Protein backbone atom coordinates (compact mmCIF):
# COMPACT_ATOMS: atom_id res chain seq x y z
CA MET A 1 78.94 -11.87 -75.13
CA VAL A 2 77.99 -7.93 -75.17
CA GLN A 3 79.81 -7.69 -78.74
CA GLU A 4 78.31 -10.98 -80.24
CA LEU A 5 74.76 -9.12 -79.23
CA ILE A 6 75.18 -5.93 -80.65
CA SER A 7 77.06 -7.09 -84.05
CA TYR A 8 74.52 -9.44 -84.46
CA ILE A 9 71.51 -6.86 -83.67
CA LEU A 10 73.59 -4.10 -86.46
CA HIS A 11 73.94 -6.71 -89.09
CA ASN A 12 69.83 -8.06 -89.43
CA LYS A 13 67.63 -6.43 -91.49
CA THR A 14 65.08 -8.14 -89.78
CA LEU A 15 65.31 -7.84 -86.40
CA ILE A 16 66.03 -3.64 -86.70
CA SER A 17 62.60 -4.12 -88.89
CA LEU A 18 60.74 -5.70 -85.57
CA ILE A 19 62.53 -3.69 -83.63
CA CYS A 20 60.96 -0.29 -85.75
CA VAL A 21 57.13 -2.48 -86.24
CA ILE A 22 56.95 -2.57 -82.62
CA GLY A 23 58.35 0.48 -81.99
CA ILE A 24 55.00 1.58 -84.33
CA LEU A 25 52.55 -0.48 -82.47
CA ALA A 26 53.30 0.89 -79.83
CA VAL A 27 52.69 4.46 -80.47
CA SER A 28 49.72 4.04 -82.41
CA TYR A 29 48.54 2.17 -79.39
CA GLY A 30 49.54 4.84 -77.29
CA MET A 31 47.80 7.63 -79.05
CA LEU A 32 44.78 5.76 -79.57
CA ASN A 33 43.99 4.64 -76.06
CA ASP A 34 45.84 7.88 -74.29
CA ASN A 35 49.28 5.69 -72.49
CA THR A 36 51.54 8.22 -72.00
CA LEU A 37 53.81 5.74 -71.14
CA ILE A 38 53.73 3.40 -73.95
CA PHE A 39 53.54 6.24 -76.15
CA ILE A 40 56.90 7.32 -74.96
CA ILE A 41 58.16 3.55 -74.97
CA GLY A 42 56.89 2.91 -78.63
CA LEU A 43 59.65 6.60 -79.86
CA LEU A 44 62.62 5.05 -77.90
CA PHE A 45 62.15 2.01 -80.18
CA VAL A 46 61.15 3.97 -83.35
CA ILE A 47 64.30 5.86 -81.93
CA GLY A 48 66.36 3.04 -81.76
CA GLY A 49 65.49 1.76 -84.96
CA TYR A 50 66.15 4.97 -87.05
CA LEU A 51 69.74 5.12 -84.73
CA LEU A 52 70.03 1.83 -86.13
CA ILE A 53 69.32 1.82 -89.23
CA ARG A 54 71.35 5.51 -89.93
CA ARG A 55 74.40 3.08 -88.62
CA ARG A 56 74.18 0.26 -91.28
CA ILE A 57 73.43 3.42 -94.36
CA LYS A 58 76.70 5.09 -92.61
CA ASP A 59 79.25 1.83 -92.40
CA HIS A 60 77.68 0.90 -95.99
CA ILE A 61 78.38 4.45 -97.04
CA LYS A 62 81.94 4.19 -95.87
CA LYS A 63 82.53 0.73 -97.29
CA ASN A 64 81.81 1.42 -101.04
CA LEU A 65 84.08 5.31 -100.59
CA THR A 66 87.03 3.28 -99.21
CA ARG A 67 86.83 0.33 -102.47
CA THR A 68 86.03 3.54 -104.88
CA ASN A 69 88.88 5.00 -103.40
CA ARG A 70 91.20 2.24 -103.91
CA ASN A 71 89.97 1.07 -107.29
CA SER A 72 90.38 5.16 -108.45
CA GLU A 73 93.90 5.13 -106.85
CA ALA A 74 94.95 1.66 -108.22
CA ARG A 75 93.46 3.70 -111.99
CA ASN A 76 95.65 6.58 -111.29
CA SER A 77 98.33 4.63 -110.55
CA LYS A 78 98.10 2.29 -113.86
CA HIS A 79 98.00 6.08 -115.53
CA GLU A 80 101.07 7.03 -113.79
CA THR A 81 103.52 4.80 -114.92
CA ASN A 82 102.15 4.20 -118.65
CA PRO A 83 102.63 7.67 -119.62
CA LYS A 84 101.49 7.62 -123.26
């Protein structure tokens, strides 16, 4: 159940955006009203949202690189089997 929740959080853009917006609002509120606790909680939300976005981007890049490598290997093997 926990793994399903983590997977849902990692792949849901709306939830990641919501985490970042909550963090930004909390940081702003903490700064304007001199509330250190809310400010720090907001920073944690922003950092968490950043890490989730970063993980999504890394996964996307890895997926595209493996697809590109497979395509280039397939093209290279076709050229090797059909010499001119």
